[in-house]
Amino acid sequence: MRCVIARFPFDLTKSGVLESMKGVKPEPVTGASVIVGRRHYPAKQVGQVITRQDRRDFSTGEVLRAMSRLGFTCRAVPHPPAVDQWSE
């Protein structure tokens, strides 16, 4: 599948992403994540590995969009519970 990440075109396949991520230790997930195999990876870590670009060069949304189109399960940033400002 052809996708654009950080203005560069990439031809990605699900098997290619699985192969690229093989042996990569997941960093702690604090935001949006992608499940590759049985592991949860931060979206930016996946993007860095598959594109070989600096994490500052692309957005999390670009990675999540590409990975979901390839069939990977993606999780967005969990929202903190709402706090009632008048209950204190």
C-alpha atoms as a PDB file:
ATOM      1  CA  MET A   1       0.000   0.000   0.000  1.00  0.00           C
ATOM      2  CA  ARG A   2       1.318   3.426  -0.882  1.00  0.00           C
ATOM      3  CA  CYS A   3       1.113   6.044   1.841  1.00  0.00           C
ATOM      4  CA  VAL A   4       2.696   9.411   2.512  1.00  0.00           C
ATOM      5  CA  ILE A   5       4.403  10.081   5.816  1.00  0.00           C
ATOM      6  CA  ALA A   6       6.234  13.382   6.342  1.00  0.00           C
ATOM      7  CA  ARG A   7       5.719  14.260   2.658  1.00  0.00           C
ATOM      8  CA  PHE A   8       7.593  11.131   1.517  1.00  0.00           C
ATOM      9  CA  PRO A   9       5.840   8.221  -0.250  1.00  0.00           C
ATOM     10  CA  PHE A  10       6.274   4.733   1.186  1.00  0.00           C
ATOM     11  CA  ASP A  11       5.143   1.374  -0.155  1.00  0.00           C
ATOM     12  CA  LEU A  12       4.203  -0.480   3.023  1.00  0.00           C
ATOM     13  CA  THR A  13       2.862  -3.967   3.558  1.00  0.00           C
ATOM     14  CA  LYS A  14       1.643  -5.582   6.730  1.00  0.00           C
ATOM     15  CA  SER A  15       4.302  -8.294   6.469  1.00  0.00           C
ATOM     16  CA  GLY A  16       6.979  -5.641   5.868  1.00  0.00           C
ATOM     17  CA  VAL A  17       5.979  -3.747   9.011  1.00  0.00           C
ATOM     18  CA  LEU A  18       5.954  -6.991  11.026  1.00  0.00           C
ATOM     19  CA  GLU A  19       9.451  -7.803   9.742  1.00  0.00           C
ATOM     20  CA  SER A  20      10.749  -4.288  10.480  1.00  0.00           C
ATOM     21  CA  MET A  21       9.417  -4.378  14.038  1.00  0.00           C
ATOM     22  CA  LYS A  22      10.758  -7.872  14.769  1.00  0.00           C
ATOM     23  CA  GLY A  23      13.270  -7.674  17.597  1.00  0.00           C
ATOM     24  CA  VAL A  24      12.424  -4.041  18.433  1.00  0.00           C
ATOM     25  CA  LYS A  25      11.767  -3.603  22.149  1.00  0.00           C
ATOM     26  CA  PRO A  26       8.629  -1.521  22.782  1.00  0.00           C
ATOM     27  CA  GLU A  27       9.106   1.754  24.626  1.00  0.00           C
ATOM     28  CA  PRO A  28       6.610   2.648  27.376  1.00  0.00           C
ATOM     29  CA  VAL A  29       3.294   3.713  25.856  1.00  0.00           C
ATOM     30  CA  THR A  30       2.132   7.105  27.089  1.00  0.00           C
ATOM     31  CA  GLY A  31      -0.042   8.163  24.162  1.00  0.00           C
ATOM     32  CA  ALA A  32      -1.326   6.756  20.894  1.00  0.00           C
ATOM     33  CA  SER A  33      -0.171   3.214  20.177  1.00  0.00           C
ATOM     34  CA  VAL A  34      -0.099   0.499  17.530  1.00  0.00           C
ATOM     35  CA  ILE A  35      -0.387  -3.213  18.262  1.00  0.00           C
ATOM     36  CA  VAL A  36       2.163  -5.094  16.168  1.00  0.00           C
ATOM     37  CA  GLY A  37       1.986  -8.815  16.757  1.00  0.00           C
ATOM     38  CA  ARG A  38       1.244  -9.077  20.469  1.00  0.00           C
ATOM     39  CA  ARG A  39       3.154  -5.971  21.494  1.00  0.00           C
ATOM     40  CA  HIS A  40       1.945  -2.398  22.034  1.00  0.00           C
ATOM     41  CA  TYR A  41       4.292   0.193  20.543  1.00  0.00           C
ATOM     42  CA  PRO A  42       4.072   3.983  20.719  1.00  0.00           C
ATOM     43  CA  ALA A  43       2.946   5.229  17.294  1.00  0.00           C
ATOM     44  CA  LYS A  44       6.001   7.471  16.952  1.00  0.00           C
ATOM     45  CA  GLN A  45       8.346   4.514  17.583  1.00  0.00           C
ATOM     46  CA  VAL A  46       6.658   2.501  14.820  1.00  0.00           C
ATOM     47  CA  GLY A  47       6.870   5.472  12.460  1.00  0.00           C
ATOM     48  CA  GLN A  48      10.556   5.961  13.179  1.00  0.00           C
ATOM     49  CA  VAL A  49      11.382   2.300  12.558  1.00  0.00           C
ATOM     50  CA  ILE A  50       9.414   1.887   9.333  1.00  0.00           C
ATOM     51  CA  THR A  51      10.372   5.242   7.764  1.00  0.00           C
ATOM     52  CA  ARG A  52      13.878   5.661   9.234  1.00  0.00           C
ATOM     53  CA  GLN A  53      13.015   9.311   9.842  1.00  0.00           C
ATOM     54  CA  ASP A  54      13.309  11.444  12.936  1.00  0.00           C
ATOM     55  CA  ARG A  55      10.142  11.407  15.056  1.00  0.00           C
ATOM     56  CA  ARG A  56       9.828  15.172  14.755  1.00  0.00           C
ATOM     57  CA  ASP A  57       9.395  14.863  10.979  1.00  0.00           C
ATOM     58  CA  PHE A  58       5.972  13.186  11.033  1.00  0.00           C
ATOM     59  CA  SER A  59       2.787  13.279  13.059  1.00  0.00           C
ATOM     60  CA  THR A  60       1.226  10.534  15.119  1.00  0.00           C
ATOM     61  CA  GLY A  61      -1.889  10.826  12.969  1.00  0.00           C
ATOM     62  CA  GLU A  62       0.047   9.974   9.801  1.00  0.00           C
ATOM     63  CA  VAL A  63       1.358   6.772  11.381  1.00  0.00           C
ATOM     64  CA  LEU A  64      -2.003   5.778  12.856  1.00  0.00           C
ATOM     65  CA  ARG A  65      -3.731   6.337   9.524  1.00  0.00           C
ATOM     66  CA  ALA A  66      -1.194   4.221   7.617  1.00  0.00           C
ATOM     67  CA  MET A  67      -1.136   1.421  10.200  1.00  0.00           C
ATOM     68  CA  SER A  68      -4.928   1.196  10.439  1.00  0.00           C
ATOM     69  CA  ARG A  69      -5.161   1.009   6.630  1.00  0.00           C
ATOM     70  CA  LEU A  70      -2.737  -1.927   6.765  1.00  0.00           C
ATOM     71  CA  GLY A  71      -4.969  -3.687   9.282  1.00  0.00           C
ATOM     72  CA  PHE A  72      -3.117  -3.035  12.541  1.00  0.00           C
ATOM     73  CA  THR A  73      -5.050  -2.167  15.683  1.00  0.00           C
ATOM     74  CA  CYS A  74      -4.394   1.423  16.711  1.00  0.00           C
ATOM     75  CA  ARG A  75      -5.293   3.081  19.982  1.00  0.00           C
ATOM     76  CA  ALA A  76      -5.706   6.823  20.332  1.00  0.00           C
ATOM     77  CA  VAL A  77      -4.572   8.852  23.318  1.00  0.00           C
ATOM     78  CA  PRO A  78      -6.821   8.042  26.275  1.00  0.00           C
ATOM     79  CA  HIS A  79      -8.677  11.064  27.573  1.00  0.00           C
ATOM     80  CA  PRO A  80      -8.418  11.746  31.314  1.00  0.00           C
ATOM     81  CA  PRO A  81     -11.697  11.510  33.202  1.00  0.00           C
ATOM     82  CA  ALA A  82     -13.656  14.732  33.405  1.00  0.00           C
ATOM     83  CA  VAL A  83     -13.339  16.597  36.675  1.00  0.00           C
ATOM     84  CA  ASP A  84     -16.304  18.431  38.063  1.00  0.00           C
ATOM     85  CA  GLN A  85     -14.898  21.800  39.047  1.00  0.00           C
ATOM     86  CA  TRP A  86     -17.840  22.549  41.354  1.00  0.00           C
ATOM     87  CA  SER A  87     -17.650  19.401  43.477  1.00  0.00           C
ATOM     88  CA  GLU A  88     -14.762  20.519  45.678  1.00  0.00           C
END
